[in-house]
PDB file of N, CA and C in Angstrom:
ATOM      1  N   MET A   1       7.267  -1.499  -8.737  1.00  0.00           N
ATOM      2  CA  MET A   1       6.931  -1.246  -9.589  1.00  0.00           C
ATOM      3  C   MET A   1       6.965  -0.433 -10.554  1.00  0.00           C
ATOM      4  N   ARG A   2       8.212   0.066  -9.973  1.00  0.00           N
ATOM      5  CA  ARG A   2       9.032   1.506 -10.746  1.00  0.00           C
ATOM      6  C   ARG A   2       8.654   0.980 -12.718  1.00  0.00           C
ATOM      7  N   ASP A   3       8.786  -0.365 -12.890  1.00  0.00           N
ATOM      8  CA  ASP A   3       8.897  -0.622 -14.123  1.00  0.00           C
ATOM      9  C   ASP A   3       7.605  -0.079 -14.890  1.00  0.00           C
ATOM     10  N   ALA A   4       6.407  -0.663 -14.178  1.00  0.00           N
ATOM     11  CA  ALA A   4       5.320  -0.673 -14.682  1.00  0.00           C
ATOM     12  C   ALA A   4       4.633   1.040 -14.912  1.00  0.00           C
ATOM     13  N   ASP A   5       3.906   0.830 -15.725  1.00  0.00           N
ATOM     14  CA  ASP A   5       3.436   2.079 -16.469  1.00  0.00           C
ATOM     15  C   ASP A   5       1.460   2.355 -15.906  1.00  0.00           C
ATOM     16  N   ALA A   6       2.043   3.101 -14.641  1.00  0.00           N
ATOM     17  CA  ALA A   6       0.361   2.843 -13.864  1.00  0.00           C
ATOM     18  C   ALA A   6      -0.474   4.139 -14.846  1.00  0.00           C
ATOM     19  N   LEU A   7      -0.088   5.140 -15.258  1.00  0.00           N
ATOM     20  CA  LEU A   7      -0.774   5.972 -16.254  1.00  0.00           C
ATOM     21  C   LEU A   7      -1.266   5.658 -17.208  1.00  0.00           C
ATOM     22  N   GLY A   8       0.022   4.580 -18.174  1.00  0.00           N
ATOM     23  CA  GLY A   8      -0.973   4.198 -19.205  1.00  0.00           C
ATOM     24  C   GLY A   8      -1.250   5.561 -20.206  1.00  0.00           C
ATOM     25  N   ALA A   9      -2.255   5.747 -21.652  1.00  0.00           N
ATOM     26  CA  ALA A   9      -2.612   6.738 -22.562  1.00  0.00           C
ATOM     27  C   ALA A   9      -3.482   7.630 -22.358  1.00  0.00           C
ATOM     28  N   ASP A  10      -4.250   7.299 -20.868  1.00  0.00           N
ATOM     29  CA  ASP A  10      -4.731   8.586 -20.164  1.00  0.00           C
ATOM     30  C   ASP A  10      -4.804   8.993 -18.948  1.00  0.00           C
ATOM     31  N   PRO A  11      -3.571   9.489 -18.637  1.00  0.00           N
ATOM     32  CA  PRO A  11      -3.330   9.031 -17.505  1.00  0.00           C
ATOM     33  C   PRO A  11      -4.053  10.322 -16.136  1.00  0.00           C
ATOM     34  N   PHE A  12      -5.313  10.981 -16.758  1.00  0.00           N
ATOM     35  CA  PHE A  12      -5.951  11.495 -15.799  1.00  0.00           C
ATOM     36  C   PHE A  12      -6.999  10.298 -15.601  1.00  0.00           C
ATOM     37  N   ALA A  13      -7.322   9.956 -16.539  1.00  0.00           N
ATOM     38  CA  ALA A  13      -8.185   8.812 -16.260  1.00  0.00           C
ATOM     39  C   ALA A  13      -7.975   7.934 -15.356  1.00  0.00           C
ATOM     40  N   ALA A  14      -6.338   7.473 -15.777  1.00  0.00           N
ATOM     41  CA  ALA A  14      -5.760   6.270 -14.361  1.00  0.00           C
ATOM     42  C   ALA A  14      -5.665   7.282 -13.018  1.00  0.00           C
ATOM     43  N   PHE A  15      -5.444   8.408 -12.769  1.00  0.00           N
ATOM     44  CA  PHE A  15      -5.457   8.657 -11.635  1.00  0.00           C
ATOM     45  C   PHE A  15      -7.311   9.108 -10.844  1.00  0.00           C
ATOM     46  N   ARG A  16      -8.417   9.198 -11.813  1.00  0.00           N
ATOM     47  CA  ARG A  16      -9.622   9.203 -11.410  1.00  0.00           C
ATOM     48  C   ARG A  16      -9.762   7.992 -11.079  1.00  0.00           C
ATOM     49  N   ALA A  17      -9.579   6.642 -11.462  1.00  0.00           N
ATOM     50  CA  ALA A  17      -9.669   5.386 -11.586  1.00  0.00           C
ATOM     51  C   ALA A  17      -8.653   5.352  -9.737  1.00  0.00           C
ATOM     52  N   SER A  18      -8.155   5.211 -10.178  1.00  0.00           N
ATOM     53  CA  SER A  18      -7.427   4.958  -8.645  1.00  0.00           C
ATOM     54  C   SER A  18      -8.189   6.123  -7.533  1.00  0.00           C
ATOM     55  N   THR A  19      -8.174   7.261  -7.829  1.00  0.00           N
ATOM     56  CA  THR A  19      -8.495   7.852  -6.604  1.00  0.00           C
ATOM     57  C   THR A  19     -10.589   6.777  -6.165  1.00  0.00           C
ATOM     58  N   ARG A  20     -10.932   6.537  -7.106  1.00  0.00           N
ATOM     59  CA  ARG A  20     -12.716   6.091  -7.486  1.00  0.00           C
ATOM     60  C   ARG A  20     -12.092   5.054  -6.677  1.00  0.00           C
ATOM     61  N   ALA A  21     -11.644   3.889  -6.248  1.00  0.00           N
ATOM     62  CA  ALA A  21     -10.718   2.641  -6.324  1.00  0.00           C
ATOM     63  C   ALA A  21     -10.552   2.284  -4.861  1.00  0.00           C
ATOM     64  N   CYS A  22      -9.390   3.676  -4.264  1.00  0.00           N
ATOM     65  CA  CYS A  22      -9.408   3.836  -2.824  1.00  0.00           C
ATOM     66  C   CYS A  22     -10.655   3.844  -2.095  1.00  0.00           C
ATOM     67  N   ALA A  23     -11.266   5.025  -2.698  1.00  0.00           N
ATOM     68  CA  ALA A  23     -12.973   5.843  -2.328  1.00  0.00           C
ATOM     69  C   ALA A  23     -14.058   4.887  -1.847  1.00  0.00           C
ATOM     70  N   ASP A  24     -13.917   3.910  -3.139  1.00  0.00           N
ATOM     71  CA  ASP A  24     -14.564   2.847  -3.087  1.00  0.00           C
ATOM     72  C   ASP A  24     -14.209   1.748  -2.027  1.00  0.00           C
ATOM     73  N   ALA A  25     -13.096   1.197  -1.658  1.00  0.00           N
ATOM     74  CA  ALA A  25     -12.924   0.765  -0.525  1.00  0.00           C
ATOM     75  C   ALA A  25     -13.008   1.343   0.929  1.00  0.00           C
ATOM     76  N   PHE A  26     -13.217   2.385   1.089  1.00  0.00           N
ATOM     77  CA  PHE A  26     -12.915   2.965   2.243  1.00  0.00           C
ATOM     78  C   PHE A  26     -14.472   2.742   2.712  1.00  0.00           C
ATOM     79  N   ASP A  27     -15.256   1.517   3.486  1.00  0.00           N
ATOM     80  CA  ASP A  27     -16.338   1.550   3.392  1.00  0.00           C
ATOM     81  C   ASP A  27     -16.385   1.406   5.082  1.00  0.00           C
ATOM     82  N   GLY A  28     -15.938   2.472   5.425  1.00  0.00           N
ATOM     83  CA  GLY A  28     -16.448   3.144   7.686  1.00  0.00           C
ATOM     84  C   GLY A  28     -15.222   1.687   8.272  1.00  0.00           C
ATOM     85  N   ALA A  29     -14.474   1.117   7.499  1.00  0.00           N
ATOM     86  CA  ALA A  29     -13.384   0.058   8.137  1.00  0.00           C
ATOM     87  C   ALA A  29     -12.218   0.263   8.012  1.00  0.00           C
ATOM     88  N   PRO A  30     -11.423   1.602   7.987  1.00  0.00           N
ATOM     89  CA  PRO A  30     -10.115   2.555   8.276  1.00  0.00           C
ATOM     90  C   PRO A  30      -9.410   0.916   8.708  1.00  0.00           C
ATOM     91  N   GLY A  31      -9.351   0.475   9.351  1.00  0.00           N
ATOM     92  CA  GLY A  31      -8.263  -1.055  10.006  1.00  0.00           C
ATOM     93  C   GLY A  31      -8.298  -2.071   9.233  1.00  0.00           C
ATOM     94  N   ARG A  32      -9.092  -2.197   7.961  1.00  0.00           N
ATOM     95  CA  ARG A  32      -9.391  -3.017   7.051  1.00  0.00           C
ATOM     96  C   ARG A  32      -8.476  -2.837   6.360  1.00  0.00           C
ATOM     97  N   LEU A  33      -7.429  -4.619   5.855  1.00  0.00           N
ATOM     98  CA  LEU A  33      -6.462  -4.705   5.081  1.00  0.00           C
ATOM     99  C   LEU A  33      -6.947  -5.098   3.908  1.00  0.00           C
ATOM    100  N   LEU A  34      -6.121  -4.561   2.670  1.00  0.00           N
ATOM    101  CA  LEU A  34      -6.089  -4.164   1.204  1.00  0.00           C
ATOM    102  C   LEU A  34      -4.288  -4.290   0.813  1.00  0.00           C
ATOM    103  N   ASP A  35      -4.395  -4.955  -0.286  1.00  0.00           N
ATOM    104  CA  ASP A  35      -3.974  -5.489  -1.336  1.00  0.00           C
ATOM    105  C   ASP A  35      -3.445  -4.286  -2.071  1.00  0.00           C
ATOM    106  N   TYR A  36      -1.711  -3.431  -1.783  1.00  0.00           N
ATOM    107  CA  TYR A  36      -1.418  -2.525  -2.164  1.00  0.00           C
ATOM    108  C   TYR A  36      -0.402  -2.758  -3.160  1.00  0.00           C
ATOM    109  N   PRO A  37       0.197  -1.695  -4.294  1.00  0.00           N
ATOM    110  CA  PRO A  37       1.147  -2.405  -4.905  1.00  0.00           C
ATOM    111  C   PRO A  37       2.876  -2.439  -4.440  1.00  0.00           C
ATOM    112  N   ARG A  38       2.729  -1.781  -3.039  1.00  0.00           N
ATOM    113  CA  ARG A  38       4.080  -1.975  -2.226  1.00  0.00           C
ATOM    114  C   ARG A  38       3.585  -2.714  -1.196  1.00  0.00           C
ATOM    115  N   GLY A  39       2.744  -3.405  -0.834  1.00  0.00           N
ATOM    116  CA  GLY A  39       2.480  -4.717   0.475  1.00  0.00           C
ATOM    117  C   GLY A  39       0.871  -4.446   0.904  1.00  0.00           C
ATOM    118  N   ARG A  40       0.924  -5.171   1.946  1.00  0.00           N
ATOM    119  CA  ARG A  40      -1.087  -4.806   2.620  1.00  0.00           C
ATOM    120  C   ARG A  40      -0.640  -3.616   3.480  1.00  0.00           C
ATOM    121  N   VAL A  41      -2.065  -3.072   3.375  1.00  0.00           N
ATOM    122  CA  VAL A  41      -2.460  -1.792   4.322  1.00  0.00           C
ATOM    123  C   VAL A  41      -3.439  -1.338   4.630  1.00  0.00           C
ATOM    124  N   THR A  42      -3.763  -0.960   5.300  1.00  0.00           N
ATOM    125  CA  THR A  42      -5.187  -0.640   6.200  1.00  0.00           C
ATOM    126  C   THR A  42      -5.579   0.435   5.090  1.00  0.00           C
ATOM    127  N   VAL A  43      -6.979   0.861   4.939  1.00  0.00           N
ATOM    128  CA  VAL A  43      -8.098   1.249   4.418  1.00  0.00           C
ATOM    129  C   VAL A  43      -7.469   2.734   4.441  1.00  0.00           C
ATOM    130  N   ALA A  44      -7.163   2.975   5.793  1.00  0.00           N
ATOM    131  CA  ALA A  44      -6.650   4.361   5.918  1.00  0.00           C
ATOM    132  C   ALA A  44      -5.558   4.929   5.549  1.00  0.00           C
ATOM    133  N   GLN A  45      -3.948   3.952   5.575  1.00  0.00           N
ATOM    134  CA  GLN A  45      -3.541   4.048   4.623  1.00  0.00           C
ATOM    135  C   GLN A  45      -3.566   4.013   3.462  1.00  0.00           C
ATOM    136  N   ALA A  46      -4.432   2.936   2.682  1.00  0.00           N
ATOM    137  CA  ALA A  46      -4.510   3.631   1.031  1.00  0.00           C
ATOM    138  C   ALA A  46      -4.969   4.807   1.074  1.00  0.00           C
ATOM    139  N   LEU A  47      -5.595   5.662   2.036  1.00  0.00           N
ATOM    140  CA  LEU A  47      -5.712   6.711   1.617  1.00  0.00           C
ATOM    141  C   LEU A  47      -5.027   7.773   1.882  1.00  0.00           C
ATOM    142  N   ALA A  48      -4.500   7.432   3.140  1.00  0.00           N
ATOM    143  CA  ALA A  48      -3.311   8.638   3.066  1.00  0.00           C
ATOM    144  C   ALA A  48      -2.263   8.578   2.398  1.00  0.00           C
ATOM    145  N   ILE A  49      -1.747   7.464   2.040  1.00  0.00           N
ATOM    146  CA  ILE A  49      -0.770   6.889   1.229  1.00  0.00           C
ATOM    147  C   ILE A  49      -0.399   8.491  -0.445  1.00  0.00           C
ATOM    148  N   PRO A  50      -1.443   8.213  -1.096  1.00  0.00           N
ATOM    149  CA  PRO A  50      -1.758   8.645  -2.133  1.00  0.00           C
ATOM    150  C   PRO A  50      -1.967  10.591  -1.911  1.00  0.00           C
ATOM    151  N   THR A  51      -2.274  10.986  -0.757  1.00  0.00           N
ATOM    152  CA  THR A  51      -2.251  12.084   0.029  1.00  0.00           C
ATOM    153  C   THR A  51      -0.684  12.512   0.320  1.00  0.00           C
ATOM    154  N   ALA A  52      -0.340  11.931   1.421  1.00  0.00           N
ATOM    155  CA  ALA A  52       0.958  12.427   1.648  1.00  0.00           C
ATOM    156  C   ALA A  52       2.175  12.317   0.474  1.00  0.00           C
ATOM    157  N   GLU A  53       1.452  11.826  -1.268  1.00  0.00           N
ATOM    158  CA  GLU A  53       2.828  11.231  -1.942  1.00  0.00           C
ATOM    159  C   GLU A  53       2.413  12.463  -2.880  1.00  0.00           C
ATOM    160  N   THR A  54       1.283  12.840  -3.395  1.00  0.00           N
ATOM    161  CA  THR A  54       0.851  14.060  -3.780  1.00  0.00           C
ATOM    162  C   THR A  54       1.198  15.585  -3.265  1.00  0.00           C
ATOM    163  N   VAL A  55       1.192  15.720  -1.757  1.00  0.00           N
ATOM    164  CA  VAL A  55       1.648  16.680  -1.178  1.00  0.00           C
ATOM    165  C   VAL A  55       3.488  16.953  -1.445  1.00  0.00           C
ATOM    166  N   VAL A  56       3.895  15.996  -0.898  1.00  0.00           N
ATOM    167  CA  VAL A  56       5.484  15.721  -1.804  1.00  0.00           C
ATOM    168  C   VAL A  56       5.524  15.953  -3.067  1.00  0.00           C
ATOM    169  N   HIS A  57       5.128  15.377  -3.974  1.00  0.00           N
ATOM    170  CA  HIS A  57       5.662  15.884  -5.268  1.00  0.00           C
ATOM    171  C   HIS A  57       4.927  17.027  -6.023  1.00  0.00           C
ATOM    172  N   THR A  58       4.223  18.003  -5.180  1.00  0.00           N
ATOM    173  CA  THR A  58       3.481  18.817  -5.714  1.00  0.00           C
ATOM    174  C   THR A  58       4.232  19.894  -5.382  1.00  0.00           C
ATOM    175  N   SER A  59       5.100  19.689  -4.665  1.00  0.00           N
ATOM    176  CA  SER A  59       5.842  20.718  -3.928  1.00  0.00           C
ATOM    177  C   SER A  59       7.539  20.925  -4.826  1.00  0.00           C
ATOM    178  N   GLY A  60       7.880  19.533  -4.863  1.00  0.00           N
ATOM    179  CA  GLY A  60       8.768  19.440  -6.300  1.00  0.00           C
ATOM    180  C   GLY A  60       8.515  19.652  -7.095  1.00  0.00           C
ATOM    181  N   LEU A  61       7.536  19.712  -7.617  1.00  0.00           N
ATOM    182  CA  LEU A  61       6.751  19.742  -9.323  1.00  0.00           C
ATOM    183  C   LEU A  61       6.565  21.358  -9.342  1.00  0.00           C
ATOM    184  N   ALA A  62       6.359  21.987  -8.291  1.00  0.00           N
ATOM    185  CA  ALA A  62       6.392  23.646  -8.244  1.00  0.00           C
ATOM    186  C   ALA A  62       7.494  23.903  -8.233  1.00  0.00           C
ATOM    187  N   ARG A  63       8.477  23.680  -7.430  1.00  0.00           N
ATOM    188  CA  ARG A  63       9.915  24.348  -7.531  1.00  0.00           C
ATOM    189  C   ARG A  63      10.777  23.814  -8.811  1.00  0.00           C
ATOM    190  N   ALA A  64      10.580  22.920  -9.638  1.00  0.00           N
ATOM    191  CA  ALA A  64      11.225  22.310 -10.813  1.00  0.00           C
ATOM    192  C   ALA A  64      10.492  23.577 -11.653  1.00  0.00           C
ATOM    193  N   LEU A  65       9.137  23.497 -11.751  1.00  0.00           N
ATOM    194  CA  LEU A  65       8.866  24.775 -12.446  1.00  0.00           C
ATOM    195  C   LEU A  65       8.622  26.355 -11.928  1.00  0.00           C
ATOM    196  N   GLY A  66       9.386  26.910 -11.020  1.00  0.00           N
ATOM    197  CA  GLY A  66       9.119  28.283 -10.712  1.00  0.00           C
ATOM    198  C   GLY A  66       7.926  28.490 -10.029  1.00  0.00           C
ATOM    199  N   GLY A  67       6.884  27.556  -9.205  1.00  0.00           N
ATOM    200  CA  GLY A  67       5.682  28.304  -9.069  1.00  0.00           C
ATOM    201  C   GLY A  67       6.037  28.411  -7.809  1.00  0.00           C
ATOM    202  N   ASP A  68       4.198  28.447  -7.057  1.00  0.00           N
ATOM    203  CA  ASP A  68       4.338  28.698  -5.659  1.00  0.00           C
ATOM    204  C   ASP A  68       4.786  27.376  -4.927  1.00  0.00           C
ATOM    205  N   GLU A  69       5.693  26.757  -4.101  1.00  0.00           N
ATOM    206  CA  GLU A  69       5.462  25.320  -3.751  1.00  0.00           C
ATOM    207  C   GLU A  69       5.624  26.157  -2.016  1.00  0.00           C
ATOM    208  N   GLU A  70       4.301  26.967  -1.412  1.00  0.00           N
ATOM    209  CA  GLU A  70       4.412  27.204  -0.734  1.00  0.00           C
ATOM    210  C   GLU A  70       2.849  25.649   0.183  1.00  0.00           C
ATOM    211  N   LEU A  71       2.988  25.024   0.440  1.00  0.00           N
ATOM    212  CA  LEU A  71       1.798  23.975   1.012  1.00  0.00           C
ATOM    213  C   LEU A  71       1.358  24.295   2.021  1.00  0.00           C
ATOM    214  N   ASP A  72      -0.210  23.730   2.400  1.00  0.00           N
ATOM    215  CA  ASP A  72      -0.681  23.776   3.544  1.00  0.00           C
ATOM    216  C   ASP A  72      -0.251  23.309   4.598  1.00  0.00           C
ATOM    217  N   HIS A  73      -0.036  24.271   5.464  1.00  0.00           N
ATOM    218  CA  HIS A  73       1.033  23.696   7.123  1.00  0.00           C
ATOM    219  C   HIS A  73       0.241  22.890   7.829  1.00  0.00           C
ATOM    220  N   GLU A  74      -0.835  22.970   7.721  1.00  0.00           N
ATOM    221  CA  GLU A  74      -1.639  21.946   8.527  1.00  0.00           C
ATOM    222  C   GLU A  74      -1.567  20.598   8.113  1.00  0.00           C
ATOM    223  N   LEU A  75      -2.019  20.402   6.703  1.00  0.00           N
ATOM    224  CA  LEU A  75      -1.100  19.076   5.918  1.00  0.00           C
ATOM    225  C   LEU A  75      -0.149  18.788   5.899  1.00  0.00           C
ATOM    226  N   VAL A  76       1.012  20.086   6.188  1.00  0.00           N
ATOM    227  CA  VAL A  76       2.487  18.910   6.217  1.00  0.00           C
ATOM    228  C   VAL A  76       3.377  18.729   7.817  1.00  0.00           C
ATOM    229  N   ARG A  77       2.334  19.448   8.877  1.00  0.00           N
ATOM    230  CA  ARG A  77       2.272  19.117   9.788  1.00  0.00           C
ATOM    231  C   ARG A  77       1.955  17.205  10.257  1.00  0.00           C
ATOM    232  N   TRP A  78       0.664  17.517   9.873  1.00  0.00           N
ATOM    233  CA  TRP A  78       0.031  16.480   9.509  1.00  0.00           C
ATOM    234  C   TRP A  78       0.472  14.977   8.969  1.00  0.00           C
ATOM    235  N   ILE A  79       1.398  15.201   7.977  1.00  0.00           N
ATOM    236  CA  ILE A  79       2.159  14.308   7.316  1.00  0.00           C
ATOM    237  C   ILE A  79       3.107  14.099   8.212  1.00  0.00           C
ATOM    238  N   ASP A  80       4.321  14.633   8.805  1.00  0.00           N
ATOM    239  CA  ASP A  80       5.234  14.718   9.451  1.00  0.00           C
ATOM    240  C   ASP A  80       4.949  14.420  11.047  1.00  0.00           C
ATOM    241  N   GLY A  81       4.109  14.267  11.195  1.00  0.00           N
ATOM    242  CA  GLY A  81       3.828  13.534  11.944  1.00  0.00           C
ATOM    243  C   GLY A  81       3.010  12.199  12.234  1.00  0.00           C
ATOM    244  N   GLU A  82       2.262  11.962  11.447  1.00  0.00           N
ATOM    245  CA  GLU A  82       1.855  10.322  10.751  1.00  0.00           C
ATOM    246  C   GLU A  82       2.860   9.531   9.490  1.00  0.00           C
ATOM    247  N   PHE A  83       4.125  10.416   9.393  1.00  0.00           N
ATOM    248  CA  PHE A  83       4.597   9.530   7.847  1.00  0.00           C
ATOM    249  C   PHE A  83       5.156   8.266   8.643  1.00  0.00           C
ATOM    250  N   ASP A  84       5.193   7.824   9.888  1.00  0.00           N
ATOM    251  CA  ASP A  84       5.289   6.320  10.136  1.00  0.00           C
ATOM    252  C   ASP A  84       4.765   5.569  10.370  1.00  0.00           C
ATOM    253  N   ALA A  85       3.625   6.144  10.410  1.00  0.00           N
ATOM    254  CA  ALA A  85       1.925   5.352  10.856  1.00  0.00           C
ATOM    255  C   ALA A  85       1.504   5.135   8.939  1.00  0.00           C
ATOM    256  N   ILE A  86       1.486   6.363   8.440  1.00  0.00           N
ATOM    257  CA  ILE A  86       1.290   6.167   7.099  1.00  0.00           C
ATOM    258  C   ILE A  86       2.230   5.108   6.506  1.00  0.00           C
ATOM    259  N   TYR A  87       3.140   5.109   6.349  1.00  0.00           N
ATOM    260  CA  TYR A  87       4.292   4.293   5.041  1.00  0.00           C
ATOM    261  C   TYR A  87       4.866   2.463   6.131  1.00  0.00           C
ATOM    262  N   ALA A  88       3.773   2.667   6.877  1.00  0.00           N
ATOM    263  CA  ALA A  88       4.151   0.998   7.877  1.00  0.00           C
ATOM    264  C   ALA A  88       3.806   0.070   7.255  1.00  0.00           C
ATOM    265  N   GLY A  89       4.817  -0.355   7.637  1.00  0.00           N
ATOM    266  CA  GLY A  89       4.712  -2.165   6.597  1.00  0.00           C
ATOM    267  C   GLY A  89       4.843  -2.737   4.905  1.00  0.00           C
ATOM    268  N   LEU A  90       5.123  -1.092   4.455  1.00  0.00           N
ATOM    269  CA  LEU A  90       5.768  -1.073   2.832  1.00  0.00           C
ATOM    270  C   LEU A  90       7.108  -0.883   3.386  1.00  0.00           C
ATOM    271  N   ASP A  91       7.267  -2.160   2.154  1.00  0.00           N
ATOM    272  CA  ASP A  91       8.842  -3.216   2.857  1.00  0.00           C
ATOM    273  C   ASP A  91       9.687  -1.982   1.939  1.00  0.00           C
ATOM    274  N   GLY A  92      10.793  -1.361   2.450  1.00  0.00           N
ATOM    275  CA  GLY A  92      11.777  -0.789   2.680  1.00  0.00           C
ATOM    276  C   GLY A  92      11.712   1.019   2.260  1.00  0.00           C
ATOM    277  N   VAL A  93      10.006   1.400   2.054  1.00  0.00           N
ATOM    278  CA  VAL A  93       9.897   2.624   1.844  1.00  0.00           C
ATOM    279  C   VAL A  93      10.463   3.496   2.955  1.00  0.00           C
ATOM    280  N   LEU A  94      10.420   3.166   4.206  1.00  0.00           N
ATOM    281  CA  LEU A  94      10.977   4.724   5.154  1.00  0.00           C
ATOM    282  C   LEU A  94      12.715   4.073   5.366  1.00  0.00           C
ATOM    283  N   HIS A  95      13.383   2.775   4.909  1.00  0.00           N
ATOM    284  CA  HIS A  95      14.667   3.039   4.368  1.00  0.00           C
ATOM    285  C   HIS A  95      15.081   3.722   3.804  1.00  0.00           C
ATOM    286  N   ARG A  96      14.031   3.628   2.544  1.00  0.00           N
ATOM    287  CA  ARG A  96      14.733   4.416   1.331  1.00  0.00           C
ATOM    288  C   ARG A  96      14.462   5.977   1.519  1.00  0.00           C
ATOM    289  N   MET A  97      13.504   6.812   2.532  1.00  0.00           N
ATOM    290  CA  MET A  97      13.273   7.736   2.372  1.00  0.00           C
ATOM    291  C   MET A  97      13.926   8.312   3.438  1.00  0.00           C
ATOM    292  N   GLY A  98      14.958   7.589   4.387  1.00  0.00           N
ATOM    293  CA  GLY A  98      15.807   8.118   5.166  1.00  0.00           C
ATOM    294  C   GLY A  98      14.782   8.171   6.986  1.00  0.00           C
ATOM    295  N   ARG A  99      13.800   7.103   7.440  1.00  0.00           N
ATOM    296  CA  ARG A  99      13.732   7.600   8.528  1.00  0.00           C
ATOM    297  C   ARG A  99      13.811   6.202   9.218  1.00  0.00           C
TER     298      ARG A  99
END
């Protein structure tokens, strides 16, 4: 999916649509399986993956721009403790991340 333009001409609208699709998919069944661009995941994973990725990339972007890169400690602790579960079943993701 690296070659796909997931944001298109209006990145903000694409982000909002993606967020809405994830929220709509959550129907009280966190274990239900969904098709995700990198493989089949549970609803809980579909919500956790963008959360984890936003935190990681926010920190990197802040560092690159010389901004405040301090992250919420509780959120970082949650991501660290749940990392393997968040990315479970996504073909090759953990290997590429050194886990």
